[in-house]
Amino acid sequence: MRHRPNAFLVAGGALSALAALLHLGCIAFGAPWYRFFGAGEQMARLAASGSSYPALVTIAIALVLLTWSLLAFSGAGLVRKLPLLRTGLFLVTAIYLARGAAVLPLMAFVPGRSTTFWWWSSAICLIIGLIHMVGLRQVWARLSPAAA
């Protein structure tokens, strides 16, 4: 039986893909983008000096976000069902929600970012996590191994 794509997981996947593209934009546009998106002055300076470190870290983050996007699109029914899809989507959802909720500990233990960055990025992660959570809840039974 064919299902309509789950709109929440499509949206979650699109938001993860957008976040990945914005991270790649930091590599393409350099220090001003690193600063604007809150990567911290040290990362901006390293990017401006030609260090490969910011680009490598940013590529790794972008690849993780693209993987999360693919998982969401798979859960939505846009691409074939990936192995361990339920577990993967549960973990992605949990990570987004935890990152969104952890604003105060992150502010205390990860210096070098502005308060504005922490609140905005946490709100964005929380919203993406909630979108994933609603979508995952809607397709949970369909993603069980027995439903394959």
N, C-alpha and C. Protein backbone atom coordinates (compact mmCIF):
# COMPACT_ATOMS: atom_id res chain seq x y z
N MET A 1 0.84 -1.18 0.00
CA MET A 1 0.00 0.00 0.00
C MET A 1 0.89 1.25 0.00
N ARG A 2 0.62 2.15 -0.90
CA ARG A 2 1.41 3.38 -1.06
C ARG A 2 0.82 4.48 -0.17
N HIS A 3 1.70 5.17 0.57
CA HIS A 3 1.28 6.24 1.46
C HIS A 3 1.68 7.59 0.86
N ARG A 4 0.92 8.61 1.20
CA ARG A 4 1.33 9.97 0.83
C ARG A 4 2.55 10.34 1.65
N PRO A 5 3.45 11.14 1.08
CA PRO A 5 4.62 11.56 1.87
C PRO A 5 4.18 12.32 3.13
N ASN A 6 4.88 12.05 4.22
CA ASN A 6 4.57 12.71 5.48
C ASN A 6 5.11 14.14 5.43
N ALA A 7 4.21 15.09 5.52
CA ALA A 7 4.58 16.51 5.36
C ALA A 7 5.55 16.98 6.44
N PHE A 8 5.40 16.48 7.66
CA PHE A 8 6.30 16.92 8.73
C PHE A 8 7.72 16.44 8.50
N LEU A 9 7.87 15.19 8.07
CA LEU A 9 9.22 14.69 7.80
C LEU A 9 9.81 15.31 6.53
N VAL A 10 8.97 15.62 5.57
CA VAL A 10 9.46 16.35 4.39
C VAL A 10 10.00 17.71 4.84
N ALA A 11 9.24 18.40 5.68
CA ALA A 11 9.67 19.71 6.19
C ALA A 11 10.94 19.57 7.02
N GLY A 12 11.00 18.57 7.90
CA GLY A 12 12.20 18.35 8.70
C GLY A 12 13.41 18.07 7.84
N GLY A 13 13.23 17.25 6.82
CA GLY A 13 14.34 16.96 5.90
C GLY A 13 14.79 18.19 5.14
N ALA A 14 13.82 18.99 4.71
CA ALA A 14 14.16 20.22 3.98
C ALA A 14 14.91 21.20 4.89
N LEU A 15 14.50 21.28 6.15
CA LEU A 15 15.19 22.19 7.09
C LEU A 15 16.61 21.71 7.38
N SER A 16 16.80 20.41 7.50
CA SER A 16 18.16 19.89 7.70
C SER A 16 19.01 20.15 6.46
N ALA A 17 18.43 19.97 5.28
CA ALA A 17 19.18 20.24 4.04
C ALA A 17 19.52 21.73 3.94
N LEU A 18 18.59 22.60 4.31
CA LEU A 18 18.87 24.04 4.30
C LEU A 18 20.00 24.37 5.27
N ALA A 19 19.97 23.78 6.45
CA ALA A 19 21.04 24.01 7.42
C ALA A 19 22.39 23.55 6.86
N ALA A 20 22.39 22.42 6.15
CA ALA A 20 23.63 21.93 5.53
C ALA A 20 24.13 22.93 4.49
N LEU A 21 23.22 23.44 3.68
CA LEU A 21 23.61 24.42 2.65
C LEU A 21 24.15 25.70 3.27
N LEU A 22 23.54 26.15 4.35
CA LEU A 22 24.04 27.35 5.03
C LEU A 22 25.44 27.10 5.60
N HIS A 23 25.68 25.91 6.10
CA HIS A 23 27.03 25.59 6.58
C HIS A 23 28.02 25.62 5.42
N LEU A 24 27.64 25.07 4.28
CA LEU A 24 28.54 25.11 3.12
C LEU A 24 28.74 26.54 2.64
N GLY A 25 27.72 27.38 2.82
CA GLY A 25 27.87 28.80 2.49
C GLY A 25 28.95 29.46 3.31
N CYS A 26 29.12 29.01 4.56
CA CYS A 26 30.19 29.55 5.40
C CYS A 26 31.55 29.27 4.77
N ILE A 27 31.71 28.10 4.19
CA ILE A 27 32.97 27.78 3.53
C ILE A 27 33.15 28.68 2.30
N ALA A 28 32.09 28.81 1.53
CA ALA A 28 32.17 29.58 0.29
C ALA A 28 32.39 31.07 0.54
N PHE A 29 31.75 31.61 1.56
CA PHE A 29 31.78 33.06 1.78
C PHE A 29 32.66 33.49 2.94
N GLY A 30 33.25 32.53 3.62
CA GLY A 30 34.31 32.82 4.56
C GLY A 30 33.92 33.45 5.88
N ALA A 31 34.88 34.17 6.43
CA ALA A 31 34.80 34.72 7.78
C ALA A 31 33.52 35.50 8.08
N PRO A 32 33.03 36.34 7.16
CA PRO A 32 31.79 37.07 7.48
C PRO A 32 30.61 36.13 7.76
N TRP A 33 30.53 35.04 7.03
CA TRP A 33 29.44 34.09 7.26
C TRP A 33 29.65 33.33 8.57
N TYR A 34 30.89 32.93 8.85
CA TYR A 34 31.16 32.27 10.13
C TYR A 34 30.75 33.19 11.29
N ARG A 35 31.07 34.46 11.17
CA ARG A 35 30.69 35.42 12.21
C ARG A 35 29.17 35.56 12.30
N PHE A 36 28.53 35.79 11.15
CA PHE A 36 27.09 36.02 11.13
C PHE A 36 26.32 34.85 11.74
N PHE A 37 26.74 33.63 11.41
CA PHE A 37 26.02 32.45 11.88
C PHE A 37 26.50 31.97 13.25
N GLY A 38 27.40 32.72 13.86
CA GLY A 38 27.75 32.47 15.26
C GLY A 38 28.77 31.39 15.52
N ALA A 39 29.62 31.10 14.55
CA ALA A 39 30.63 30.06 14.76
C ALA A 39 31.71 30.48 15.74
N GLY A 40 31.77 31.76 16.03
CA GLY A 40 32.77 32.25 16.96
C GLY A 40 33.90 32.97 16.24
N GLU A 41 34.49 33.88 16.94
CA GLU A 41 35.54 34.70 16.34
C GLU A 41 36.77 33.87 15.96
N GLN A 42 37.08 32.86 16.77
CA GLN A 42 38.25 32.04 16.46
C GLN A 42 38.07 31.32 15.12
N MET A 43 36.89 30.76 14.87
CA MET A 43 36.65 30.09 13.58
C MET A 43 36.69 31.10 12.45
N ALA A 44 36.14 32.28 12.66
CA ALA A 44 36.16 33.31 11.62
C ALA A 44 37.60 33.71 11.31
N ARG A 45 38.40 33.89 12.32
CA ARG A 45 39.81 34.26 12.10
C ARG A 45 40.57 33.15 11.38
N LEU A 46 40.33 31.92 11.79
CA LEU A 46 41.00 30.80 11.11
C LEU A 46 40.60 30.73 9.64
N ALA A 47 39.33 30.94 9.36
CA ALA A 47 38.86 30.95 7.97
C ALA A 47 39.51 32.08 7.20
N ALA A 48 39.59 33.26 7.80
CA ALA A 48 40.19 34.41 7.14
C ALA A 48 41.68 34.20 6.88
N SER A 49 42.34 33.44 7.74
CA SER A 49 43.78 33.22 7.58
C SER A 49 44.09 32.09 6.59
N GLY A 50 43.07 31.42 6.09
CA GLY A 50 43.29 30.36 5.12
C GLY A 50 43.44 28.97 5.72
N SER A 51 43.21 28.83 7.01
CA SER A 51 43.29 27.52 7.66
C SER A 51 42.21 26.60 7.09
N SER A 52 42.55 25.33 6.96
CA SER A 52 41.57 24.36 6.47
C SER A 52 40.66 23.84 7.58
N TYR A 53 41.02 24.10 8.83
CA TYR A 53 40.26 23.58 9.96
C TYR A 53 38.78 23.98 9.92
N PRO A 54 38.44 25.26 9.75
CA PRO A 54 37.01 25.62 9.72
C PRO A 54 36.25 24.89 8.60
N ALA A 55 36.85 24.77 7.45
CA ALA A 55 36.18 24.10 6.34
C ALA A 55 35.96 22.62 6.64
N LEU A 56 36.96 21.97 7.23
CA LEU A 56 36.82 20.54 7.54
C LEU A 56 35.73 20.30 8.58
N VAL A 57 35.70 21.11 9.62
CA VAL A 57 34.66 20.99 10.64
C VAL A 57 33.29 21.26 10.03
N THR A 58 33.22 22.28 9.20
CA THR A 58 31.95 22.68 8.59
C THR A 58 31.46 21.62 7.60
N ILE A 59 32.36 21.02 6.85
CA ILE A 59 31.97 19.94 5.93
C ILE A 59 31.44 18.75 6.72
N ALA A 60 32.08 18.42 7.83
CA ALA A 60 31.60 17.31 8.66
C ALA A 60 30.19 17.58 9.17
N ILE A 61 29.95 18.80 9.64
CA ILE A 61 28.61 19.16 10.13
C ILE A 61 27.60 19.08 8.98
N ALA A 62 27.97 19.60 7.82
CA ALA A 62 27.06 19.58 6.67
C ALA A 62 26.73 18.14 6.26
N LEU A 63 27.71 17.25 6.30
CA LEU A 63 27.46 15.85 5.94
C LEU A 63 26.50 15.18 6.93
N VAL A 64 26.66 15.49 8.20
CA VAL A 64 25.73 14.95 9.21
C VAL A 64 24.32 15.47 8.92
N LEU A 65 24.20 16.77 8.67
CA LEU A 65 22.88 17.35 8.41
C LEU A 65 22.25 16.78 7.13
N LEU A 66 23.07 16.55 6.10
CA LEU A 66 22.55 15.94 4.87
C LEU A 66 22.09 14.49 5.10
N THR A 67 22.82 13.78 5.95
CA THR A 67 22.41 12.42 6.31
C THR A 67 21.07 12.45 7.05
N TRP A 68 20.94 13.40 7.97
CA TRP A 68 19.67 13.55 8.69
C TRP A 68 18.54 13.89 7.73
N SER A 69 18.83 14.72 6.74
CA SER A 69 17.84 15.08 5.74
C SER A 69 17.39 13.83 4.97
N LEU A 70 18.35 13.02 4.56
CA LEU A 70 18.04 11.79 3.84
C LEU A 70 17.18 10.86 4.70
N LEU A 71 17.51 10.73 5.97
CA LEU A 71 16.69 9.91 6.87
C LEU A 71 15.26 10.43 6.94
N ALA A 72 15.11 11.74 7.08
CA ALA A 72 13.76 12.31 7.15
C ALA A 72 13.01 12.07 5.84
N PHE A 73 13.67 12.26 4.71
CA PHE A 73 13.01 12.02 3.42
C PHE A 73 12.64 10.54 3.26
N SER A 74 13.48 9.65 3.77
CA SER A 74 13.15 8.24 3.72
C SER A 74 11.94 7.93 4.60
N GLY A 75 11.93 8.48 5.81
CA GLY A 75 10.79 8.28 6.69
C GLY A 75 9.52 8.88 6.13
N ALA A 76 9.66 9.97 5.39
CA ALA A 76 8.49 10.62 4.78
C ALA A 76 7.93 9.82 3.62
N GLY A 77 8.75 8.94 3.06
CA GLY A 77 8.32 8.16 1.91
C GLY A 77 8.76 8.74 0.58
N LEU A 78 9.68 9.71 0.60
CA LEU A 78 10.15 10.31 -0.66
C LEU A 78 11.24 9.48 -1.33
N VAL A 79 12.03 8.78 -0.52
CA VAL A 79 13.07 7.90 -1.05
C VAL A 79 12.89 6.53 -0.40
N ARG A 80 13.59 5.54 -0.91
CA ARG A 80 13.41 4.18 -0.41
C ARG A 80 13.68 4.10 1.09
N LYS A 81 13.11 3.10 1.71
CA LYS A 81 13.26 2.92 3.16
C LYS A 81 14.69 2.49 3.47
N LEU A 82 15.35 3.28 4.28
CA LEU A 82 16.73 3.00 4.66
C LEU A 82 16.78 2.02 5.83
N PRO A 83 17.90 1.30 5.95
CA PRO A 83 18.04 0.40 7.10
C PRO A 83 18.06 1.19 8.41
N LEU A 84 17.54 0.58 9.45
CA LEU A 84 17.49 1.17 10.80
C LEU A 84 16.84 2.56 10.80
N LEU A 85 15.86 2.73 9.94
CA LEU A 85 15.24 4.04 9.76
C LEU A 85 14.57 4.54 11.03
N ARG A 86 13.81 3.71 11.70
CA ARG A 86 13.14 4.13 12.92
C ARG A 86 14.14 4.59 13.97
N THR A 87 15.18 3.80 14.16
CA THR A 87 16.21 4.15 15.14
C THR A 87 16.91 5.44 14.74
N GLY A 88 17.26 5.55 13.47
CA GLY A 88 17.94 6.75 12.99
C GLY A 88 17.10 8.00 13.17
N LEU A 89 15.84 7.92 12.80
CA LEU A 89 14.96 9.09 12.94
C LEU A 89 14.71 9.42 14.41
N PHE A 90 14.61 8.39 15.25
CA PHE A 90 14.45 8.64 16.67
C PHE A 90 15.67 9.39 17.22
N LEU A 91 16.87 8.97 16.83
CA LEU A 91 18.08 9.62 17.31
C LEU A 91 18.21 11.05 16.79
N VAL A 92 17.89 11.26 15.51
CA VAL A 92 17.94 12.61 14.94
C VAL A 92 16.98 13.53 15.70
N THR A 93 15.77 13.04 15.92
CA THR A 93 14.77 13.82 16.64
C THR A 93 15.26 14.13 18.05
N ALA A 94 15.79 13.13 18.73
CA ALA A 94 16.29 13.32 20.10
C ALA A 94 17.44 14.32 20.13
N ILE A 95 18.33 14.27 19.16
CA ILE A 95 19.47 15.19 19.14
C ILE A 95 18.99 16.62 18.91
N TYR A 96 18.10 16.81 17.95
CA TYR A 96 17.56 18.16 17.72
C TYR A 96 16.87 18.69 18.98
N LEU A 97 16.04 17.86 19.62
CA LEU A 97 15.33 18.31 20.82
C LEU A 97 16.29 18.60 21.97
N ALA A 98 17.28 17.73 22.15
CA ALA A 98 18.26 17.95 23.22
C ALA A 98 19.07 19.21 22.97
N ARG A 99 19.49 19.42 21.72
CA ARG A 99 20.25 20.63 21.39
C ARG A 99 19.40 21.87 21.62
N GLY A 100 18.13 21.79 21.28
CA GLY A 100 17.25 22.93 21.51
C GLY A 100 17.03 23.22 22.98
N ALA A 101 16.93 22.17 23.78
CA ALA A 101 16.66 22.34 25.20
C ALA A 101 17.90 22.68 26.01
N ALA A 102 19.07 22.44 25.47
CA ALA A 102 20.31 22.59 26.23
C ALA A 102 20.92 23.98 26.15
N VAL A 103 20.12 24.97 25.89
CA VAL A 103 20.66 26.32 25.67
C VAL A 103 21.47 26.82 26.87
N LEU A 104 20.96 26.69 28.07
CA LEU A 104 21.67 27.24 29.23
C LEU A 104 22.98 26.50 29.54
N PRO A 105 22.99 25.17 29.55
CA PRO A 105 24.28 24.50 29.75
C PRO A 105 25.30 24.82 28.64
N LEU A 106 24.82 24.91 27.42
CA LEU A 106 25.74 25.23 26.31
C LEU A 106 26.34 26.62 26.49
N MET A 107 25.50 27.57 26.89
CA MET A 107 26.00 28.93 27.10
C MET A 107 27.08 28.94 28.18
N ALA A 108 26.91 28.13 29.19
CA ALA A 108 27.86 28.11 30.31
C ALA A 108 29.15 27.38 29.96
N PHE A 109 29.06 26.32 29.17
CA PHE A 109 30.23 25.47 28.96
C PHE A 109 30.91 25.62 27.61
N VAL A 110 30.32 26.37 26.70
CA VAL A 110 30.93 26.58 25.38
C VAL A 110 31.04 28.08 25.15
N PRO A 111 32.11 28.68 25.63
CA PRO A 111 32.26 30.14 25.49
C PRO A 111 32.58 30.54 24.05
N GLY A 112 32.53 31.84 23.82
CA GLY A 112 32.92 32.36 22.51
C GLY A 112 31.78 32.63 21.56
N ARG A 113 30.57 32.33 21.97
CA ARG A 113 29.41 32.60 21.13
C ARG A 113 28.54 33.61 21.85
N SER A 114 27.79 34.36 21.07
CA SER A 114 26.92 35.38 21.66
C SER A 114 25.67 34.74 22.26
N THR A 115 25.07 35.44 23.21
CA THR A 115 23.81 34.99 23.79
C THR A 115 22.74 34.90 22.71
N THR A 116 22.75 35.85 21.79
CA THR A 116 21.79 35.83 20.68
C THR A 116 21.93 34.55 19.87
N PHE A 117 23.19 34.18 19.56
CA PHE A 117 23.43 32.93 18.81
C PHE A 117 22.83 31.75 19.55
N TRP A 118 23.11 31.62 20.84
CA TRP A 118 22.63 30.45 21.58
C TRP A 118 21.12 30.37 21.60
N TRP A 119 20.43 31.50 21.83
CA TRP A 119 18.97 31.46 21.90
C TRP A 119 18.35 31.17 20.53
N TRP A 120 18.85 31.82 19.49
CA TRP A 120 18.29 31.58 18.15
C TRP A 120 18.56 30.16 17.67
N SER A 121 19.82 29.71 17.80
CA SER A 121 20.14 28.37 17.30
C SER A 121 19.39 27.30 18.10
N SER A 122 19.23 27.52 19.40
CA SER A 122 18.48 26.56 20.21
C SER A 122 17.01 26.54 19.83
N ALA A 123 16.44 27.71 19.59
CA ALA A 123 15.03 27.77 19.16
C ALA A 123 14.84 27.06 17.82
N ILE A 124 15.77 27.28 16.90
CA ILE A 124 15.68 26.63 15.58
C ILE A 124 15.77 25.11 15.73
N CYS A 125 16.73 24.64 16.53
CA CYS A 125 16.87 23.20 16.73
C CYS A 125 15.63 22.61 17.40
N LEU A 126 15.09 23.32 18.37
CA LEU A 126 13.89 22.84 19.06
C LEU A 126 12.72 22.74 18.08
N ILE A 127 12.54 23.72 17.23
CA ILE A 127 11.46 23.69 16.24
C ILE A 127 11.65 22.53 15.27
N ILE A 128 12.87 22.37 14.76
CA ILE A 128 13.13 21.26 13.83
C ILE A 128 12.89 19.93 14.54
N GLY A 129 13.32 19.82 15.80
CA GLY A 129 13.08 18.60 16.56
C GLY A 129 11.61 18.31 16.75
N LEU A 130 10.83 19.34 17.04
CA LEU A 130 9.38 19.15 17.21
C LEU A 130 8.73 18.73 15.90
N ILE A 131 9.17 19.30 14.80
CA ILE A 131 8.64 18.90 13.48
C ILE A 131 8.95 17.43 13.22
N HIS A 132 10.19 17.04 13.48
CA HIS A 132 10.56 15.62 13.33
C HIS A 132 9.72 14.73 14.25
N MET A 133 9.52 15.17 15.49
CA MET A 133 8.78 14.37 16.46
C MET A 133 7.34 14.12 16.00
N VAL A 134 6.70 15.16 15.51
CA VAL A 134 5.32 14.99 15.03
C VAL A 134 5.31 14.03 13.83
N GLY A 135 6.20 14.24 12.89
CA GLY A 135 6.26 13.37 11.72
C GLY A 135 6.58 11.93 12.09
N LEU A 136 7.55 11.76 12.97
CA LEU A 136 7.94 10.41 13.37
C LEU A 136 6.79 9.70 14.08
N ARG A 137 6.10 10.43 14.92
CA ARG A 137 4.95 9.84 15.62
C ARG A 137 3.89 9.37 14.61
N GLN A 138 3.70 10.13 13.54
CA GLN A 138 2.69 9.79 12.54
C GLN A 138 3.06 8.55 11.73
N VAL A 139 4.35 8.31 11.52
CA VAL A 139 4.76 7.18 10.67
C VAL A 139 5.38 6.03 11.47
N TRP A 140 5.42 6.15 12.78
CA TRP A 140 6.14 5.19 13.61
C TRP A 140 5.76 3.73 13.30
N ALA A 141 4.48 3.43 13.29
CA ALA A 141 4.04 2.04 13.05
C ALA A 141 4.43 1.57 11.65
N ARG A 142 4.37 2.45 10.69
CA ARG A 142 4.71 2.10 9.31
C ARG A 142 6.19 1.81 9.15
N LEU A 143 7.03 2.36 10.04
CA LEU A 143 8.46 2.17 9.92
C LEU A 143 8.97 0.96 10.68
N SER A 144 8.07 0.23 11.35
CA SER A 144 8.53 -0.93 12.13
C SER A 144 9.07 -1.97 11.17
N PRO A 145 10.03 -2.78 11.62
CA PRO A 145 10.60 -3.83 10.77
C PRO A 145 9.54 -4.80 10.26
N ALA A 146 8.51 -5.06 11.05
CA ALA A 146 7.45 -5.98 10.63
C ALA A 146 6.61 -5.40 9.51
N ALA A 147 6.59 -4.06 9.38
CA ALA A 147 5.78 -3.41 8.34
C ALA A 147 6.49 -3.41 6.98
N ALA A 148 7.73 -3.87 6.95
CA ALA A 148 8.52 -3.82 5.70
C ALA A 148 8.03 -4.74 4.67
